Amino acid sequence: MMGRYSKTLVAALATVAAAILAAFMPDSVVSTVEWVNVAIIAVGLVPTFYVANSPAAPVAKAIVGAATAALTLLTTLIAGGLTVTEWSQVAAAFVGAILVWAVPNTPAGDPAWGGPAAVA
């Protein structure tokens, strides 16, 4: 069952990492831009969860992750802060996007992906 939600779990871990990085970096103060970055990454969870696992669109969830990471970077650049914390959040978003692409999301026995049919 977990195989169906692996990519969403990875995206959730990226969100948690971005929040932890904001809270525990050297200044120990979460700025407005850092909260916006966490919110952007968290909003990226919704389409990651709802985009269908389909052989016709095997990278759709990775595209959502990449867009989330790009928006996080854009927010940081527009705000002009470019602090170590904000860059670490951008890095967490990009690593999350790469892992969403790399982690398999469908059980091996799913016939839609060419696997053997499940035995009931």
N, C-alpha and C. Protein backbone atom coordinates (compact mmCIF):
# COMPACT_ATOMS: atom_id res chain seq x y z
N MET A 1 0.82 -1.20 0.00
CA MET A 1 0.00 0.00 0.00
C MET A 1 0.86 1.26 0.00
N MET A 2 1.99 1.23 0.69
CA MET A 2 2.83 2.41 0.78
C MET A 2 3.38 2.80 -0.59
N GLY A 3 3.54 1.84 -1.49
CA GLY A 3 4.08 2.13 -2.81
C GLY A 3 3.27 3.16 -3.56
N ARG A 4 1.98 3.21 -3.31
CA ARG A 4 1.12 4.18 -4.00
C ARG A 4 1.38 5.60 -3.53
N TYR A 5 1.92 5.77 -2.35
CA TYR A 5 2.10 7.10 -1.77
C TYR A 5 3.56 7.47 -1.54
N SER A 6 4.47 6.73 -2.12
CA SER A 6 5.90 6.97 -1.90
C SER A 6 6.33 8.37 -2.34
N LYS A 7 5.87 8.80 -3.49
CA LYS A 7 6.26 10.12 -3.99
C LYS A 7 5.69 11.23 -3.11
N THR A 8 4.47 11.06 -2.65
CA THR A 8 3.88 12.05 -1.74
C THR A 8 4.64 12.09 -0.43
N LEU A 9 5.05 10.94 0.07
CA LEU A 9 5.83 10.89 1.30
C LEU A 9 7.16 11.62 1.13
N VAL A 10 7.82 11.43 0.00
CA VAL A 10 9.08 12.13 -0.26
C VAL A 10 8.84 13.64 -0.31
N ALA A 11 7.77 14.07 -0.95
CA ALA A 11 7.46 15.51 -1.00
C ALA A 11 7.17 16.04 0.40
N ALA A 12 6.49 15.25 1.22
CA ALA A 12 6.22 15.66 2.61
C ALA A 12 7.52 15.79 3.40
N LEU A 13 8.45 14.88 3.18
CA LEU A 13 9.74 14.96 3.86
C LEU A 13 10.51 16.20 3.44
N ALA A 14 10.41 16.59 2.18
CA ALA A 14 11.05 17.82 1.72
C ALA A 14 10.44 19.03 2.41
N THR A 15 9.13 19.02 2.62
CA THR A 15 8.46 20.11 3.32
C THR A 15 8.94 20.20 4.76
N VAL A 16 9.00 19.06 5.43
CA VAL A 16 9.46 19.02 6.81
C VAL A 16 10.92 19.49 6.88
N ALA A 17 11.74 19.06 5.94
CA ALA A 17 13.15 19.47 5.92
C ALA A 17 13.26 20.98 5.76
N ALA A 18 12.46 21.57 4.88
CA ALA A 18 12.50 23.02 4.68
C ALA A 18 12.10 23.76 5.96
N ALA A 19 11.09 23.24 6.66
CA ALA A 19 10.66 23.88 7.91
C ALA A 19 11.72 23.75 9.00
N ILE A 20 12.31 22.57 9.10
CA ILE A 20 13.35 22.34 10.12
C ILE A 20 14.57 23.21 9.82
N LEU A 21 14.96 23.30 8.56
CA LEU A 21 16.09 24.14 8.19
C LEU A 21 15.83 25.60 8.56
N ALA A 22 14.61 26.06 8.35
CA ALA A 22 14.28 27.45 8.69
C ALA A 22 14.34 27.67 10.21
N ALA A 23 13.89 26.70 10.97
CA ALA A 23 13.81 26.86 12.41
C ALA A 23 15.16 26.71 13.11
N PHE A 24 16.03 25.87 12.57
CA PHE A 24 17.25 25.54 13.29
C PHE A 24 18.54 26.03 12.65
N MET A 25 18.43 26.89 11.67
CA MET A 25 19.66 27.46 11.10
C MET A 25 20.22 28.48 12.08
N PRO A 26 21.42 28.99 11.83
CA PRO A 26 22.12 29.80 12.83
C PRO A 26 21.33 30.96 13.44
N ASP A 27 20.49 31.63 12.66
CA ASP A 27 19.78 32.77 13.24
C ASP A 27 18.60 32.37 14.12
N SER A 28 18.12 31.15 14.00
CA SER A 28 17.00 30.61 14.80
C SER A 28 15.74 31.46 14.72
N VAL A 29 15.60 32.24 13.66
CA VAL A 29 14.41 33.05 13.44
C VAL A 29 13.86 32.69 12.07
N VAL A 30 12.58 32.40 12.00
CA VAL A 30 11.95 32.06 10.72
C VAL A 30 11.38 33.34 10.13
N SER A 31 12.00 33.78 9.03
CA SER A 31 11.56 35.03 8.39
C SER A 31 10.31 34.78 7.56
N THR A 32 9.72 35.86 7.09
CA THR A 32 8.53 35.77 6.25
C THR A 32 8.83 34.99 4.97
N VAL A 33 9.96 35.28 4.36
CA VAL A 33 10.33 34.58 3.11
C VAL A 33 10.51 33.09 3.38
N GLU A 34 11.09 32.74 4.50
CA GLU A 34 11.29 31.33 4.84
C GLU A 34 9.94 30.63 5.05
N TRP A 35 8.99 31.32 5.67
CA TRP A 35 7.65 30.75 5.83
C TRP A 35 6.97 30.59 4.47
N VAL A 36 7.15 31.56 3.59
CA VAL A 36 6.57 31.46 2.24
C VAL A 36 7.17 30.27 1.51
N ASN A 37 8.47 30.06 1.65
CA ASN A 37 9.11 28.90 1.03
C ASN A 37 8.51 27.60 1.55
N VAL A 38 8.32 27.51 2.85
CA VAL A 38 7.71 26.31 3.44
C VAL A 38 6.30 26.13 2.89
N ALA A 39 5.55 27.22 2.79
CA ALA A 39 4.17 27.14 2.28
C ALA A 39 4.14 26.68 0.83
N ILE A 40 5.05 27.20 0.01
CA ILE A 40 5.10 26.79 -1.40
C ILE A 40 5.38 25.30 -1.51
N ILE A 41 6.36 24.83 -0.74
CA ILE A 41 6.71 23.41 -0.79
C ILE A 41 5.55 22.56 -0.28
N ALA A 42 4.86 23.04 0.76
CA ALA A 42 3.71 22.31 1.30
C ALA A 42 2.57 22.25 0.28
N VAL A 43 2.33 23.35 -0.42
CA VAL A 43 1.28 23.36 -1.44
C VAL A 43 1.61 22.38 -2.56
N GLY A 44 2.90 22.17 -2.83
CA GLY A 44 3.32 21.19 -3.83
C GLY A 44 2.93 19.76 -3.48
N LEU A 45 2.63 19.53 -2.21
CA LEU A 45 2.17 18.19 -1.80
C LEU A 45 0.82 17.83 -2.42
N VAL A 46 -0.05 18.82 -2.55
CA VAL A 46 -1.42 18.55 -3.03
C VAL A 46 -1.42 17.96 -4.43
N PRO A 47 -0.80 18.61 -5.42
CA PRO A 47 -0.81 17.97 -6.74
C PRO A 47 0.02 16.70 -6.79
N THR A 48 1.07 16.62 -5.96
CA THR A 48 1.85 15.38 -5.94
C THR A 48 0.97 14.22 -5.50
N PHE A 49 0.08 14.47 -4.56
CA PHE A 49 -0.84 13.43 -4.09
C PHE A 49 -1.91 13.13 -5.14
N TYR A 50 -2.47 14.17 -5.77
CA TYR A 50 -3.62 13.97 -6.65
C TYR A 50 -3.28 13.63 -8.09
N VAL A 51 -2.06 13.90 -8.54
CA VAL A 51 -1.70 13.51 -9.92
C VAL A 51 -1.70 11.99 -9.98
N ALA A 52 -2.38 11.46 -10.96
CA ALA A 52 -2.54 10.00 -11.07
C ALA A 52 -1.22 9.30 -11.35
N ASN A 53 -1.09 8.09 -10.81
CA ASN A 53 0.03 7.22 -11.15
C ASN A 53 -0.33 6.54 -12.46
N SER A 54 0.25 7.01 -13.54
CA SER A 54 -0.14 6.51 -14.85
C SER A 54 1.09 6.21 -15.69
N PRO A 55 1.08 5.08 -16.38
CA PRO A 55 2.19 4.80 -17.28
C PRO A 55 2.28 5.82 -18.41
N ALA A 56 1.16 6.50 -18.71
CA ALA A 56 1.15 7.49 -19.77
C ALA A 56 1.85 8.79 -19.35
N ALA A 57 1.96 9.01 -18.04
CA ALA A 57 2.61 10.23 -17.54
C ALA A 57 3.53 9.89 -16.38
N PRO A 58 4.62 9.17 -16.65
CA PRO A 58 5.47 8.69 -15.57
C PRO A 58 6.24 9.79 -14.84
N VAL A 59 6.36 10.96 -15.42
CA VAL A 59 7.12 12.03 -14.77
C VAL A 59 6.24 13.20 -14.32
N ALA A 60 4.93 13.03 -14.34
CA ALA A 60 4.03 14.13 -13.98
C ALA A 60 4.28 14.62 -12.57
N LYS A 61 4.47 13.71 -11.63
CA LYS A 61 4.71 14.13 -10.24
C LYS A 61 6.07 14.80 -10.10
N ALA A 62 7.05 14.39 -10.86
CA ALA A 62 8.36 15.03 -10.84
C ALA A 62 8.28 16.45 -11.39
N ILE A 63 7.43 16.66 -12.38
CA ILE A 63 7.23 18.00 -12.93
C ILE A 63 6.63 18.91 -11.88
N VAL A 64 5.68 18.39 -11.11
CA VAL A 64 5.10 19.16 -10.01
C VAL A 64 6.19 19.52 -9.00
N GLY A 65 7.04 18.56 -8.66
CA GLY A 65 8.13 18.82 -7.73
C GLY A 65 9.10 19.86 -8.25
N ALA A 66 9.42 19.78 -9.54
CA ALA A 66 10.34 20.75 -10.14
C ALA A 66 9.72 22.15 -10.15
N ALA A 67 8.43 22.24 -10.43
CA ALA A 67 7.75 23.54 -10.42
C ALA A 67 7.74 24.12 -9.00
N THR A 68 7.53 23.28 -8.02
CA THR A 68 7.55 23.72 -6.62
C THR A 68 8.94 24.25 -6.25
N ALA A 69 9.97 23.53 -6.65
CA ALA A 69 11.34 23.97 -6.37
C ALA A 69 11.65 25.28 -7.08
N ALA A 70 11.20 25.42 -8.33
CA ALA A 70 11.43 26.65 -9.09
C ALA A 70 10.73 27.84 -8.43
N LEU A 71 9.51 27.64 -7.95
CA LEU A 71 8.79 28.72 -7.26
C LEU A 71 9.49 29.11 -5.96
N THR A 72 10.04 28.12 -5.26
CA THR A 72 10.78 28.41 -4.04
C THR A 72 12.01 29.26 -4.36
N LEU A 73 12.72 28.90 -5.41
CA LEU A 73 13.89 29.67 -5.83
C LEU A 73 13.47 31.08 -6.26
N LEU A 74 12.40 31.18 -7.03
CA LEU A 74 11.94 32.48 -7.50
C LEU A 74 11.57 33.39 -6.34
N THR A 75 10.88 32.86 -5.35
CA THR A 75 10.51 33.65 -4.18
C THR A 75 11.75 34.17 -3.47
N THR A 76 12.74 33.30 -3.31
CA THR A 76 13.98 33.70 -2.64
C THR A 76 14.69 34.80 -3.43
N LEU A 77 14.75 34.67 -4.75
CA LEU A 77 15.42 35.67 -5.57
C LEU A 77 14.68 37.00 -5.58
N ILE A 78 13.36 36.96 -5.66
CA ILE A 78 12.57 38.19 -5.68
C ILE A 78 12.71 38.93 -4.35
N ALA A 79 12.69 38.19 -3.25
CA ALA A 79 12.79 38.81 -1.93
C ALA A 79 14.18 39.41 -1.71
N GLY A 80 15.16 38.91 -2.43
CA GLY A 80 16.50 39.46 -2.34
C GLY A 80 17.25 39.09 -1.08
N GLY A 81 16.69 38.18 -0.29
CA GLY A 81 17.34 37.82 0.96
C GLY A 81 18.60 37.01 0.75
N LEU A 82 18.48 35.92 0.03
CA LEU A 82 19.59 35.03 -0.28
C LEU A 82 20.41 34.65 0.96
N THR A 83 19.71 34.36 2.02
CA THR A 83 20.39 33.91 3.22
C THR A 83 20.73 32.43 3.09
N VAL A 84 21.60 31.96 3.97
CA VAL A 84 21.97 30.55 3.97
C VAL A 84 20.73 29.69 4.19
N THR A 85 19.85 30.13 5.06
CA THR A 85 18.63 29.36 5.34
C THR A 85 17.76 29.25 4.11
N GLU A 86 17.56 30.36 3.40
CA GLU A 86 16.72 30.33 2.20
C GLU A 86 17.33 29.45 1.12
N TRP A 87 18.63 29.51 0.95
CA TRP A 87 19.27 28.64 -0.03
C TRP A 87 19.17 27.18 0.37
N SER A 88 19.25 26.89 1.67
CA SER A 88 19.10 25.50 2.10
C SER A 88 17.68 25.01 1.86
N GLN A 89 16.69 25.91 1.99
CA GLN A 89 15.31 25.52 1.67
C GLN A 89 15.15 25.25 0.18
N VAL A 90 15.76 26.07 -0.63
CA VAL A 90 15.72 25.84 -2.09
C VAL A 90 16.36 24.49 -2.40
N ALA A 91 17.49 24.21 -1.76
CA ALA A 91 18.15 22.92 -1.97
C ALA A 91 17.25 21.77 -1.54
N ALA A 92 16.55 21.91 -0.41
CA ALA A 92 15.63 20.86 0.05
C ALA A 92 14.52 20.64 -0.97
N ALA A 93 14.01 21.73 -1.54
CA ALA A 93 12.95 21.60 -2.56
C ALA A 93 13.46 20.89 -3.80
N PHE A 94 14.67 21.23 -4.26
CA PHE A 94 15.23 20.58 -5.45
C PHE A 94 15.55 19.12 -5.19
N VAL A 95 16.12 18.82 -4.02
CA VAL A 95 16.39 17.41 -3.68
C VAL A 95 15.07 16.65 -3.60
N GLY A 96 14.05 17.28 -3.02
CA GLY A 96 12.73 16.65 -2.97
C GLY A 96 12.19 16.35 -4.36
N ALA A 97 12.36 17.29 -5.29
CA ALA A 97 11.90 17.07 -6.67
C ALA A 97 12.64 15.92 -7.33
N ILE A 98 13.94 15.86 -7.11
CA ILE A 98 14.74 14.77 -7.69
C ILE A 98 14.31 13.43 -7.10
N LEU A 99 14.07 13.41 -5.78
CA LEU A 99 13.65 12.16 -5.15
C LEU A 99 12.24 11.75 -5.56
N VAL A 100 11.35 12.73 -5.77
CA VAL A 100 10.00 12.41 -6.25
C VAL A 100 10.11 11.73 -7.61
N TRP A 101 11.03 12.19 -8.44
CA TRP A 101 11.25 11.55 -9.73
C TRP A 101 11.85 10.15 -9.57
N ALA A 102 12.80 10.00 -8.64
CA ALA A 102 13.57 8.76 -8.53
C ALA A 102 12.85 7.64 -7.79
N VAL A 103 11.98 7.97 -6.86
CA VAL A 103 11.33 6.95 -6.03
C VAL A 103 10.19 6.31 -6.79
N PRO A 104 10.15 4.98 -6.85
CA PRO A 104 9.02 4.32 -7.50
C PRO A 104 7.74 4.53 -6.69
N ASN A 105 6.62 4.57 -7.40
CA ASN A 105 5.38 4.94 -6.73
C ASN A 105 4.27 3.91 -6.90
N THR A 106 4.51 2.86 -7.59
CA THR A 106 3.46 1.89 -7.84
C THR A 106 3.94 0.50 -7.45
N PRO A 107 3.10 -0.28 -6.80
CA PRO A 107 3.50 -1.63 -6.44
C PRO A 107 3.94 -2.42 -7.67
N ALA A 108 4.92 -3.29 -7.49
CA ALA A 108 5.48 -4.06 -8.60
C ALA A 108 4.44 -4.94 -9.28
N GLY A 109 3.41 -5.34 -8.57
CA GLY A 109 2.41 -6.24 -9.14
C GLY A 109 1.29 -5.54 -9.88
N ASP A 110 1.39 -4.25 -10.11
CA ASP A 110 0.33 -3.51 -10.78
C ASP A 110 0.36 -3.82 -12.28
N PRO A 111 -0.69 -4.47 -12.83
CA PRO A 111 -0.68 -4.83 -14.24
C PRO A 111 -0.66 -3.62 -15.18
N ALA A 112 -1.11 -2.45 -14.71
CA ALA A 112 -1.10 -1.26 -15.56
C ALA A 112 0.32 -0.85 -15.90
N TRP A 113 1.28 -1.22 -15.06
CA TRP A 113 2.68 -0.87 -15.30
C TRP A 113 3.46 -2.06 -15.87
N GLY A 114 2.78 -3.07 -16.31
CA GLY A 114 3.45 -4.19 -16.93
C GLY A 114 3.83 -5.31 -15.97
N GLY A 115 3.43 -5.19 -14.72
CA GLY A 115 3.73 -6.22 -13.74
C GLY A 115 2.68 -7.32 -13.79
N PRO A 116 2.93 -8.43 -13.10
CA PRO A 116 1.95 -9.51 -13.07
C PRO A 116 0.70 -9.07 -12.32
N ALA A 117 -0.41 -9.61 -12.69
CA ALA A 117 -1.66 -9.29 -12.02
C ALA A 117 -1.64 -9.80 -10.59
N ALA A 118 -2.24 -9.04 -9.69
CA ALA A 118 -2.29 -9.44 -8.28
C ALA A 118 -3.22 -10.63 -8.13
N VAL A 119 -2.83 -11.56 -7.28
CA VAL A 119 -3.66 -12.72 -7.03
C VAL A 119 -4.54 -12.43 -5.83
N ALA A 120 -5.83 -12.60 -6.00
CA ALA A 120 -6.75 -12.29 -4.92
C ALA A 120 -6.97 -13.47 -4.02
